[in-house]
Amino acid sequence: MRIDAVLGDITRQDVDAVVNAANSSLMGGGGVDGAIHRAAGPGLLEECMELRRTELPDGLPVGSAVPTAGHRLPARWVIHTVGPNRHRGQDDPALLASCFTSALVVAAEVGAREVAVPAVGAGAYGWDPAEVARVAVGAVRSFAAAQDNRDGADVCGLEERAVGLTPVELVRFVLHDEEVLRVFSRELG
């Protein structure tokens, strides 16, 4: 798996799936979530409302992920994940890591080979960008190791069946400013 980081607008990425740093309601919001909802158009909100009405009446739990269509985005899929909110005392790095891992599992399940990912948690949810970079890069590398080791062994907490049938070939961290890009680039080495 290739992993890189770029400065850019996640809504303009020509990839199979974009990850949305959503809130649990899935109804849109600020930051990346609002940008994705605006760019995708009203069909995304309608699909999210249907998810809430049927599969997720209580909202999407923190650390989980769910797919929707990309609607007007270049990406075919939007994979929504809810980061832990540090301001509310949700400060467990494992919960943050779960956002990235869950999103990649969903990407593999829907057949997305190229995935654009934001710095989930580094905005309104109060996580330090350097910590998000460390956790995110570690989670993606662990997922890549599990994906490469499809012999049924348990690697970094992911069993073979948890990495999906389609290998994710590219994870691109798409970051909103130079400082966040610097910390991700440093973490990627």
N, C-alpha and C. Protein backbone atom coordinates (compact mmCIF):
# COMPACT_ATOMS: atom_id res chain seq x y z
N MET A 1 0.84 -1.18 0.00
CA MET A 1 0.00 0.00 0.00
C MET A 1 0.89 1.24 0.00
N ARG A 2 0.52 2.19 -0.83
CA ARG A 2 1.18 3.51 -0.82
C ARG A 2 0.44 4.42 0.15
N ILE A 3 1.20 5.17 0.91
CA ILE A 3 0.61 6.15 1.83
C ILE A 3 1.31 7.47 1.57
N ASP A 4 0.53 8.52 1.29
CA ASP A 4 1.15 9.84 1.12
C ASP A 4 0.29 10.91 1.78
N ALA A 5 0.78 12.12 1.74
CA ALA A 5 0.07 13.26 2.34
C ALA A 5 0.22 14.45 1.41
N VAL A 6 -0.89 15.15 1.19
CA VAL A 6 -0.90 16.32 0.32
C VAL A 6 -1.71 17.44 0.95
N LEU A 7 -1.42 18.64 0.54
CA LEU A 7 -2.23 19.80 0.90
C LEU A 7 -3.32 19.91 -0.15
N GLY A 8 -4.57 20.02 0.26
CA GLY A 8 -5.60 20.11 -0.76
C GLY A 8 -7.02 20.08 -0.22
N ASP A 9 -7.93 19.97 -1.16
CA ASP A 9 -9.37 19.93 -0.91
C ASP A 9 -9.83 18.50 -1.13
N ILE A 10 -10.26 17.84 -0.06
CA ILE A 10 -10.65 16.43 -0.15
C ILE A 10 -11.82 16.22 -1.10
N THR A 11 -12.64 17.23 -1.31
CA THR A 11 -13.80 17.08 -2.19
C THR A 11 -13.41 17.03 -3.66
N ARG A 12 -12.17 17.35 -3.98
CA ARG A 12 -11.73 17.36 -5.38
C ARG A 12 -10.78 16.22 -5.71
N GLN A 13 -10.62 15.31 -4.79
CA GLN A 13 -9.70 14.19 -5.01
C GLN A 13 -10.30 13.17 -5.96
N ASP A 14 -9.51 12.77 -6.94
CA ASP A 14 -9.93 11.77 -7.91
C ASP A 14 -9.51 10.39 -7.39
N VAL A 15 -10.28 9.89 -6.44
CA VAL A 15 -10.02 8.60 -5.80
C VAL A 15 -11.34 7.83 -5.77
N ASP A 16 -11.28 6.59 -5.34
CA ASP A 16 -12.51 5.78 -5.26
C ASP A 16 -13.40 6.20 -4.10
N ALA A 17 -12.77 6.60 -2.98
CA ALA A 17 -13.54 6.95 -1.78
C ALA A 17 -12.86 8.09 -1.04
N VAL A 18 -13.68 8.94 -0.43
CA VAL A 18 -13.18 9.95 0.49
C VAL A 18 -13.76 9.63 1.87
N VAL A 19 -12.94 9.85 2.88
CA VAL A 19 -13.40 9.65 4.25
C VAL A 19 -13.90 10.99 4.78
N ASN A 20 -15.07 10.95 5.39
CA ASN A 20 -15.69 12.14 5.95
C ASN A 20 -15.53 12.12 7.47
N ALA A 21 -14.97 13.18 8.02
CA ALA A 21 -14.90 13.35 9.47
C ALA A 21 -16.27 13.85 9.91
N ALA A 22 -17.19 12.92 10.06
CA ALA A 22 -18.60 13.23 10.29
C ALA A 22 -18.90 13.42 11.77
N ASN A 23 -20.09 13.94 12.03
CA ASN A 23 -20.61 13.87 13.39
C ASN A 23 -21.59 12.70 13.43
N SER A 24 -21.95 12.26 14.61
CA SER A 24 -22.74 11.02 14.72
C SER A 24 -24.12 11.13 14.07
N SER A 25 -24.63 12.35 13.91
CA SER A 25 -25.95 12.51 13.30
C SER A 25 -25.93 12.24 11.79
N LEU A 26 -24.76 12.35 11.17
CA LEU A 26 -24.58 12.20 9.72
C LEU A 26 -25.30 13.27 8.91
N MET A 27 -25.71 14.33 9.54
CA MET A 27 -26.49 15.37 8.87
C MET A 27 -25.66 16.54 8.37
N GLY A 28 -24.35 16.40 8.34
CA GLY A 28 -23.50 17.50 7.90
C GLY A 28 -23.09 18.35 9.09
N GLY A 29 -22.20 19.24 8.86
CA GLY A 29 -21.71 20.10 9.94
C GLY A 29 -20.70 21.08 9.38
N GLY A 30 -19.68 21.37 10.16
CA GLY A 30 -18.63 22.28 9.72
C GLY A 30 -17.43 21.52 9.20
N GLY A 31 -16.38 22.24 8.89
CA GLY A 31 -15.12 21.63 8.47
C GLY A 31 -15.25 20.70 7.29
N VAL A 32 -14.54 19.57 7.37
CA VAL A 32 -14.55 18.58 6.29
C VAL A 32 -15.97 18.07 6.05
N ASP A 33 -16.71 17.81 7.11
CA ASP A 33 -18.07 17.29 7.01
C ASP A 33 -18.95 18.22 6.17
N GLY A 34 -18.93 19.51 6.49
CA GLY A 34 -19.74 20.47 5.74
C GLY A 34 -19.29 20.59 4.30
N ALA A 35 -17.98 20.59 4.09
CA ALA A 35 -17.45 20.70 2.72
C ALA A 35 -17.88 19.51 1.87
N ILE A 36 -17.81 18.32 2.43
CA ILE A 36 -18.21 17.13 1.68
C ILE A 36 -19.71 17.16 1.39
N HIS A 37 -20.51 17.52 2.36
CA HIS A 37 -21.96 17.60 2.12
C HIS A 37 -22.30 18.64 1.05
N ARG A 38 -21.65 19.80 1.10
CA ARG A 38 -21.93 20.84 0.09
C ARG A 38 -21.52 20.37 -1.31
N ALA A 39 -20.34 19.77 -1.42
CA ALA A 39 -19.84 19.35 -2.73
C ALA A 39 -20.63 18.16 -3.29
N ALA A 40 -21.06 17.26 -2.41
CA ALA A 40 -21.78 16.07 -2.87
C ALA A 40 -23.21 16.38 -3.28
N GLY A 41 -23.77 17.45 -2.72
CA GLY A 41 -25.13 17.84 -3.07
C GLY A 41 -26.18 17.19 -2.18
N PRO A 42 -27.45 17.51 -2.43
CA PRO A 42 -28.53 17.08 -1.54
C PRO A 42 -28.74 15.57 -1.48
N GLY A 43 -28.30 14.85 -2.49
CA GLY A 43 -28.45 13.40 -2.47
C GLY A 43 -27.72 12.75 -1.30
N LEU A 44 -26.59 13.33 -0.90
CA LEU A 44 -25.84 12.77 0.23
C LEU A 44 -26.65 12.91 1.52
N LEU A 45 -27.20 14.08 1.74
CA LEU A 45 -28.01 14.27 2.94
C LEU A 45 -29.23 13.34 2.94
N GLU A 46 -29.85 13.18 1.80
CA GLU A 46 -31.00 12.27 1.72
C GLU A 46 -30.60 10.84 2.08
N GLU A 47 -29.44 10.41 1.56
CA GLU A 47 -28.97 9.05 1.86
C GLU A 47 -28.63 8.91 3.34
N CYS A 48 -28.02 9.93 3.92
CA CYS A 48 -27.70 9.91 5.35
C CYS A 48 -28.97 9.88 6.20
N MET A 49 -29.98 10.62 5.77
CA MET A 49 -31.25 10.62 6.50
C MET A 49 -31.88 9.22 6.46
N GLU A 50 -31.76 8.54 5.33
CA GLU A 50 -32.29 7.19 5.22
C GLU A 50 -31.52 6.22 6.12
N LEU A 51 -30.21 6.38 6.20
CA LEU A 51 -29.41 5.55 7.12
C LEU A 51 -29.88 5.75 8.56
N ARG A 52 -30.12 7.00 8.92
CA ARG A 52 -30.59 7.30 10.28
C ARG A 52 -31.98 6.71 10.52
N ARG A 53 -32.81 6.76 9.52
CA ARG A 53 -34.17 6.24 9.66
C ARG A 53 -34.17 4.71 9.79
N THR A 54 -33.22 4.04 9.14
CA THR A 54 -33.24 2.58 9.07
C THR A 54 -32.15 1.94 9.94
N GLU A 55 -30.90 1.99 9.51
CA GLU A 55 -29.81 1.25 10.15
C GLU A 55 -29.22 1.92 11.38
N LEU A 56 -29.24 3.25 11.43
CA LEU A 56 -28.54 3.97 12.49
C LEU A 56 -29.45 4.97 13.21
N PRO A 57 -30.54 4.50 13.82
CA PRO A 57 -31.48 5.44 14.44
C PRO A 57 -30.85 6.26 15.57
N ASP A 58 -29.82 5.73 16.21
CA ASP A 58 -29.14 6.46 17.29
C ASP A 58 -27.90 7.19 16.81
N GLY A 59 -27.64 7.19 15.51
CA GLY A 59 -26.46 7.83 14.95
C GLY A 59 -25.30 6.86 14.82
N LEU A 60 -24.26 7.31 14.16
CA LEU A 60 -23.06 6.50 13.95
C LEU A 60 -22.18 6.59 15.18
N PRO A 61 -21.83 5.47 15.79
CA PRO A 61 -20.99 5.50 16.99
C PRO A 61 -19.57 6.01 16.70
N VAL A 62 -18.96 6.61 17.69
CA VAL A 62 -17.57 7.07 17.59
C VAL A 62 -16.67 5.88 17.25
N GLY A 63 -15.78 6.09 16.29
CA GLY A 63 -14.84 5.05 15.89
C GLY A 63 -15.35 4.10 14.83
N SER A 64 -16.63 4.19 14.49
CA SER A 64 -17.22 3.32 13.46
C SER A 64 -17.22 4.04 12.12
N ALA A 65 -17.56 3.30 11.06
CA ALA A 65 -17.63 3.89 9.73
C ALA A 65 -18.77 3.26 8.94
N VAL A 66 -19.31 4.06 8.02
CA VAL A 66 -20.41 3.60 7.17
C VAL A 66 -20.26 4.27 5.80
N PRO A 67 -20.54 3.52 4.72
CA PRO A 67 -20.42 4.11 3.38
C PRO A 67 -21.73 4.69 2.86
N THR A 68 -21.58 5.69 2.00
CA THR A 68 -22.68 6.18 1.18
C THR A 68 -22.11 6.41 -0.22
N ALA A 69 -22.96 6.70 -1.15
CA ALA A 69 -22.51 7.07 -2.49
C ALA A 69 -21.83 8.44 -2.43
N GLY A 70 -21.01 8.73 -3.43
CA GLY A 70 -20.32 10.02 -3.51
C GLY A 70 -21.17 11.12 -4.11
N HIS A 71 -22.26 10.74 -4.76
CA HIS A 71 -23.17 11.70 -5.38
C HIS A 71 -22.39 12.60 -6.35
N ARG A 72 -22.29 13.90 -6.11
CA ARG A 72 -21.64 14.82 -7.06
C ARG A 72 -20.12 14.91 -6.89
N LEU A 73 -19.55 14.17 -5.99
CA LEU A 73 -18.09 14.18 -5.80
C LEU A 73 -17.42 13.36 -6.90
N PRO A 74 -16.14 13.61 -7.19
CA PRO A 74 -15.42 12.74 -8.12
C PRO A 74 -15.31 11.31 -7.58
N ALA A 75 -15.28 11.16 -6.26
CA ALA A 75 -15.18 9.84 -5.63
C ALA A 75 -16.52 9.12 -5.72
N ARG A 76 -16.46 7.83 -5.91
CA ARG A 76 -17.68 7.02 -5.99
C ARG A 76 -18.33 6.85 -4.61
N TRP A 77 -17.49 6.86 -3.55
CA TRP A 77 -17.97 6.58 -2.21
C TRP A 77 -17.57 7.69 -1.24
N VAL A 78 -18.40 7.90 -0.23
CA VAL A 78 -18.05 8.67 0.96
C VAL A 78 -18.11 7.69 2.11
N ILE A 79 -17.04 7.61 2.87
CA ILE A 79 -17.02 6.74 4.05
C ILE A 79 -17.02 7.65 5.27
N HIS A 80 -18.11 7.63 5.99
CA HIS A 80 -18.29 8.51 7.15
C HIS A 80 -17.73 7.83 8.39
N THR A 81 -16.96 8.56 9.17
CA THR A 81 -16.48 8.06 10.46
C THR A 81 -16.58 9.19 11.47
N VAL A 82 -16.82 8.83 12.71
CA VAL A 82 -16.99 9.82 13.77
C VAL A 82 -15.79 9.74 14.71
N GLY A 83 -15.06 10.83 14.78
CA GLY A 83 -13.90 10.89 15.67
C GLY A 83 -14.30 11.13 17.11
N PRO A 84 -13.43 10.75 18.03
CA PRO A 84 -13.68 11.06 19.44
C PRO A 84 -13.48 12.56 19.69
N ASN A 85 -14.34 13.12 20.51
CA ASN A 85 -14.29 14.55 20.80
C ASN A 85 -13.53 14.77 22.11
N ARG A 86 -12.31 15.28 22.00
CA ARG A 86 -11.47 15.53 23.18
C ARG A 86 -12.13 16.50 24.15
N HIS A 87 -12.89 17.44 23.63
CA HIS A 87 -13.58 18.42 24.48
C HIS A 87 -14.62 17.77 25.38
N ARG A 88 -15.07 16.59 25.00
CA ARG A 88 -16.05 15.84 25.79
C ARG A 88 -15.39 14.71 26.58
N GLY A 89 -14.07 14.75 26.68
CA GLY A 89 -13.35 13.74 27.45
C GLY A 89 -13.05 12.46 26.69
N GLN A 90 -13.32 12.42 25.40
CA GLN A 90 -13.03 11.24 24.60
C GLN A 90 -11.58 11.35 24.11
N ASP A 91 -10.65 10.88 24.93
CA ASP A 91 -9.24 11.11 24.63
C ASP A 91 -8.42 9.83 24.48
N ASP A 92 -9.10 8.73 24.19
CA ASP A 92 -8.42 7.45 24.01
C ASP A 92 -7.88 7.34 22.58
N PRO A 93 -6.55 7.27 22.40
CA PRO A 93 -6.00 7.14 21.06
C PRO A 93 -6.50 5.91 20.30
N ALA A 94 -6.85 4.85 21.02
CA ALA A 94 -7.37 3.64 20.35
C ALA A 94 -8.70 3.93 19.66
N LEU A 95 -9.50 4.78 20.26
CA LEU A 95 -10.78 5.17 19.66
C LEU A 95 -10.53 5.99 18.39
N LEU A 96 -9.54 6.86 18.44
CA LEU A 96 -9.17 7.64 17.26
C LEU A 96 -8.64 6.70 16.16
N ALA A 97 -7.78 5.77 16.53
CA ALA A 97 -7.23 4.81 15.55
C ALA A 97 -8.35 4.02 14.89
N SER A 98 -9.38 3.70 15.66
CA SER A 98 -10.50 2.94 15.14
C SER A 98 -11.20 3.66 13.99
N CYS A 99 -11.20 4.99 14.02
CA CYS A 99 -11.81 5.76 12.91
C CYS A 99 -11.12 5.43 11.60
N PHE A 100 -9.80 5.44 11.62
CA PHE A 100 -9.03 5.19 10.39
C PHE A 100 -9.14 3.73 9.97
N THR A 101 -9.01 2.82 10.92
CA THR A 101 -9.10 1.40 10.61
C THR A 101 -10.49 1.04 10.09
N SER A 102 -11.53 1.50 10.77
CA SER A 102 -12.90 1.21 10.34
C SER A 102 -13.17 1.74 8.93
N ALA A 103 -12.68 2.94 8.65
CA ALA A 103 -12.87 3.53 7.32
C ALA A 103 -12.18 2.68 6.25
N LEU A 104 -11.00 2.16 6.55
CA LEU A 104 -10.29 1.34 5.56
C LEU A 104 -10.96 -0.02 5.38
N VAL A 105 -11.48 -0.59 6.45
CA VAL A 105 -12.23 -1.84 6.33
C VAL A 105 -13.44 -1.64 5.41
N VAL A 106 -14.17 -0.54 5.62
CA VAL A 106 -15.33 -0.25 4.77
C VAL A 106 -14.87 -0.01 3.33
N ALA A 107 -13.77 0.70 3.15
CA ALA A 107 -13.24 0.94 1.79
C ALA A 107 -12.99 -0.38 1.08
N ALA A 108 -12.34 -1.32 1.77
CA ALA A 108 -12.06 -2.63 1.18
C ALA A 108 -13.36 -3.39 0.88
N GLU A 109 -14.34 -3.24 1.76
CA GLU A 109 -15.63 -3.93 1.54
C GLU A 109 -16.35 -3.41 0.30
N VAL A 110 -16.27 -2.10 0.03
CA VAL A 110 -16.98 -1.55 -1.13
C VAL A 110 -16.13 -1.58 -2.41
N GLY A 111 -14.88 -2.04 -2.30
CA GLY A 111 -14.03 -2.15 -3.48
C GLY A 111 -13.24 -0.90 -3.81
N ALA A 112 -13.05 -0.02 -2.85
CA ALA A 112 -12.28 1.21 -3.07
C ALA A 112 -10.79 0.92 -2.94
N ARG A 113 -10.06 1.12 -4.01
CA ARG A 113 -8.62 0.87 -4.00
C ARG A 113 -7.82 2.12 -3.61
N GLU A 114 -8.37 3.30 -3.87
CA GLU A 114 -7.71 4.57 -3.54
C GLU A 114 -8.63 5.37 -2.63
N VAL A 115 -8.08 5.80 -1.49
CA VAL A 115 -8.89 6.45 -0.46
C VAL A 115 -8.21 7.75 -0.01
N ALA A 116 -8.98 8.83 0.02
CA ALA A 116 -8.50 10.11 0.55
C ALA A 116 -9.04 10.26 1.97
N VAL A 117 -8.15 10.65 2.89
CA VAL A 117 -8.49 10.68 4.31
C VAL A 117 -8.09 12.03 4.91
N PRO A 118 -8.98 12.67 5.68
CA PRO A 118 -8.62 13.91 6.37
C PRO A 118 -7.96 13.59 7.72
N ALA A 119 -7.55 14.62 8.42
CA ALA A 119 -6.98 14.48 9.77
C ALA A 119 -8.14 14.43 10.76
N VAL A 120 -8.83 13.30 10.80
CA VAL A 120 -10.00 13.13 11.67
C VAL A 120 -9.62 13.49 13.11
N GLY A 121 -10.40 14.37 13.70
CA GLY A 121 -10.19 14.75 15.10
C GLY A 121 -9.35 15.99 15.31
N ALA A 122 -8.59 16.41 14.28
CA ALA A 122 -7.66 17.52 14.44
C ALA A 122 -8.32 18.89 14.31
N GLY A 123 -9.59 18.93 14.03
CA GLY A 123 -10.29 20.21 13.89
C GLY A 123 -11.08 20.53 15.14
N ALA A 124 -12.37 20.60 14.99
CA ALA A 124 -13.26 21.01 16.08
C ALA A 124 -13.25 20.05 17.26
N TYR A 125 -12.78 18.81 17.05
CA TYR A 125 -12.80 17.84 18.14
C TYR A 125 -11.57 17.91 19.04
N GLY A 126 -10.66 18.84 18.75
CA GLY A 126 -9.63 19.22 19.70
C GLY A 126 -8.39 18.37 19.82
N TRP A 127 -8.17 17.44 18.94
CA TRP A 127 -6.95 16.63 19.01
C TRP A 127 -5.78 17.40 18.43
N ASP A 128 -4.62 17.27 19.04
CA ASP A 128 -3.40 17.88 18.52
C ASP A 128 -3.06 17.22 17.18
N PRO A 129 -2.78 18.01 16.13
CA PRO A 129 -2.49 17.43 14.82
C PRO A 129 -1.32 16.43 14.84
N ALA A 130 -0.32 16.66 15.67
CA ALA A 130 0.81 15.72 15.73
C ALA A 130 0.36 14.37 16.29
N GLU A 131 -0.53 14.39 17.27
CA GLU A 131 -1.04 13.13 17.81
C GLU A 131 -1.94 12.44 16.79
N VAL A 132 -2.76 13.21 16.09
CA VAL A 132 -3.60 12.62 15.04
C VAL A 132 -2.71 11.97 13.98
N ALA A 133 -1.65 12.65 13.58
CA ALA A 133 -0.74 12.10 12.57
C ALA A 133 -0.13 10.78 13.05
N ARG A 134 0.34 10.75 14.28
CA ARG A 134 0.96 9.54 14.83
C ARG A 134 -0.05 8.39 14.85
N VAL A 135 -1.24 8.65 15.36
CA VAL A 135 -2.26 7.62 15.46
C VAL A 135 -2.74 7.18 14.08
N ALA A 136 -3.00 8.14 13.20
CA ALA A 136 -3.53 7.83 11.86
C ALA A 136 -2.54 7.03 11.03
N VAL A 137 -1.30 7.48 11.01
CA VAL A 137 -0.28 6.77 10.22
C VAL A 137 -0.06 5.37 10.80
N GLY A 138 -0.03 5.26 12.11
CA GLY A 138 0.12 3.94 12.73
C GLY A 138 -1.03 3.02 12.39
N ALA A 139 -2.25 3.53 12.43
CA ALA A 139 -3.43 2.72 12.11
C ALA A 139 -3.41 2.26 10.66
N VAL A 140 -3.05 3.17 9.76
CA VAL A 140 -3.00 2.82 8.34
C VAL A 140 -1.90 1.79 8.07
N ARG A 141 -0.75 1.98 8.69
CA ARG A 141 0.33 1.00 8.51
C ARG A 141 -0.05 -0.37 9.07
N SER A 142 -0.73 -0.40 10.20
CA SER A 142 -1.19 -1.68 10.76
C SER A 142 -2.20 -2.35 9.84
N PHE A 143 -3.10 -1.55 9.28
CA PHE A 143 -4.07 -2.09 8.32
C PHE A 143 -3.34 -2.65 7.10
N ALA A 144 -2.35 -1.92 6.61
CA ALA A 144 -1.58 -2.38 5.44
C ALA A 144 -0.88 -3.70 5.74
N ALA A 145 -0.32 -3.84 6.94
CA ALA A 145 0.34 -5.09 7.32
C ALA A 145 -0.66 -6.24 7.36
N ALA A 146 -1.83 -5.99 7.91
CA ALA A 146 -2.87 -7.02 7.97
C ALA A 146 -3.33 -7.39 6.57
N GLN A 147 -3.46 -6.40 5.73
CA GLN A 147 -3.90 -6.63 4.35
C GLN A 147 -2.87 -7.47 3.60
N ASP A 148 -1.59 -7.21 3.86
CA ASP A 148 -0.52 -7.96 3.20
C ASP A 148 -0.38 -9.38 3.72
N ASN A 149 -0.89 -9.62 4.92
CA ASN A 149 -0.74 -10.91 5.57
C ASN A 149 -2.09 -11.64 5.56
N ARG A 150 -2.50 -12.10 4.41
CA ARG A 150 -3.82 -12.71 4.28
C ARG A 150 -3.82 -14.22 4.52
N ASP A 151 -2.97 -14.68 5.46
CA ASP A 151 -2.91 -16.11 5.75
C ASP A 151 -3.76 -16.50 6.95
N GLY A 152 -4.60 -15.59 7.42
CA GLY A 152 -5.48 -15.91 8.54
C GLY A 152 -4.90 -15.53 9.89
N ALA A 153 -3.65 -15.09 9.90
CA ALA A 153 -3.04 -14.69 11.17
C ALA A 153 -3.62 -13.37 11.65
N ASP A 154 -3.60 -13.19 12.94
CA ASP A 154 -4.04 -11.93 13.53
C ASP A 154 -2.86 -10.97 13.55
N VAL A 155 -2.99 -9.86 12.85
CA VAL A 155 -1.91 -8.87 12.77
C VAL A 155 -2.44 -7.56 13.33
N CYS A 156 -1.82 -7.07 14.36
CA CYS A 156 -2.17 -5.76 14.93
C CYS A 156 -3.67 -5.65 15.23
N GLY A 157 -4.27 -6.73 15.67
CA GLY A 157 -5.66 -6.68 16.07
C GLY A 157 -6.67 -6.85 14.94
N LEU A 158 -6.21 -7.00 13.71
CA LEU A 158 -7.14 -7.18 12.59
C LEU A 158 -7.04 -8.60 12.07
N GLU A 159 -8.14 -9.32 12.03
CA GLU A 159 -8.13 -10.64 11.44
C GLU A 159 -8.28 -10.51 9.94
N GLU A 160 -7.94 -11.56 9.22
CA GLU A 160 -7.98 -11.55 7.75
C GLU A 160 -9.33 -11.07 7.24
N ARG A 161 -10.41 -11.56 7.82
CA ARG A 161 -11.73 -11.19 7.32
C ARG A 161 -12.04 -9.71 7.54
N ALA A 162 -11.27 -9.03 8.37
CA ALA A 162 -11.53 -7.62 8.67
C ALA A 162 -10.84 -6.67 7.69
N VAL A 163 -10.12 -7.19 6.72
CA VAL A 163 -9.46 -6.30 5.77
C VAL A 163 -10.14 -6.28 4.41
N GLY A 164 -11.23 -7.00 4.26
CA GLY A 164 -11.99 -6.96 3.01
C GLY A 164 -11.35 -7.75 1.90
N LEU A 165 -12.07 -7.91 0.81
CA LEU A 165 -11.58 -8.68 -0.33
C LEU A 165 -10.74 -7.84 -1.28
N THR A 166 -11.06 -6.56 -1.40
CA THR A 166 -10.34 -5.69 -2.32
C THR A 166 -9.21 -4.99 -1.58
N PRO A 167 -7.98 -5.16 -2.03
CA PRO A 167 -6.89 -4.47 -1.33
C PRO A 167 -6.93 -2.96 -1.57
N VAL A 168 -6.78 -2.21 -0.51
CA VAL A 168 -6.62 -0.76 -0.63
C VAL A 168 -5.18 -0.53 -1.05
N GLU A 169 -4.99 0.17 -2.17
CA GLU A 169 -3.65 0.36 -2.73
C GLU A 169 -3.04 1.71 -2.40
N LEU A 170 -3.90 2.72 -2.14
CA LEU A 170 -3.41 4.06 -1.85
C LEU A 170 -4.25 4.68 -0.74
N VAL A 171 -3.57 5.20 0.27
CA VAL A 171 -4.22 6.05 1.27
C VAL A 171 -3.53 7.40 1.17
N ARG A 172 -4.31 8.41 0.83
CA ARG A 172 -3.78 9.77 0.69
C ARG A 172 -4.40 10.63 1.78
N PHE A 173 -3.55 11.10 2.70
CA PHE A 173 -4.02 12.06 3.69
C PHE A 173 -4.11 13.41 3.00
N VAL A 174 -5.30 13.96 2.96
CA VAL A 174 -5.55 15.26 2.32
C VAL A 174 -5.78 16.26 3.45
N LEU A 175 -4.85 17.20 3.57
CA LEU A 175 -4.78 18.06 4.75
C LEU A 175 -5.05 19.50 4.39
N HIS A 176 -5.59 20.23 5.36
CA HIS A 176 -6.14 21.56 5.11
C HIS A 176 -5.15 22.71 5.28
N ASP A 177 -4.01 22.47 5.91
CA ASP A 177 -3.04 23.57 6.02
C ASP A 177 -1.61 23.04 6.09
N GLU A 178 -0.67 23.94 5.88
CA GLU A 178 0.75 23.58 5.79
C GLU A 178 1.28 22.92 7.06
N GLU A 179 0.88 23.43 8.22
CA GLU A 179 1.39 22.86 9.48
C GLU A 179 0.92 21.42 9.67
N VAL A 180 -0.34 21.15 9.37
CA VAL A 180 -0.85 19.79 9.50
C VAL A 180 -0.15 18.88 8.47
N LEU A 181 0.07 19.39 7.28
CA LEU A 181 0.81 18.62 6.27
C LEU A 181 2.22 18.31 6.78
N ARG A 182 2.88 19.29 7.41
CA ARG A 182 4.23 19.07 7.94
C ARG A 182 4.27 17.93 8.96
N VAL A 183 3.31 17.92 9.89
CA VAL A 183 3.35 16.88 10.91
C VAL A 183 3.04 15.51 10.33
N PHE A 184 2.15 15.43 9.35
CA PHE A 184 1.88 14.15 8.70
C PHE A 184 3.08 13.69 7.88
N SER A 185 3.71 14.61 7.16
CA SER A 185 4.89 14.27 6.36
C SER A 185 6.01 13.77 7.25
N ARG A 186 6.19 14.41 8.40
CA ARG A 186 7.22 13.99 9.36
C ARG A 186 6.91 12.58 9.86
N GLU A 187 5.66 12.32 10.18
CA GLU A 187 5.27 11.00 10.68
C GLU A 187 5.43 9.92 9.62
N LEU A 188 5.19 10.27 8.37
CA LEU A 188 5.36 9.31 7.28
C LEU A 188 6.82 9.03 6.97
N GLY A 189 7.70 9.94 7.44
CA GLY A 189 9.14 9.76 7.26
C GLY A 189 9.56 10.04 5.88
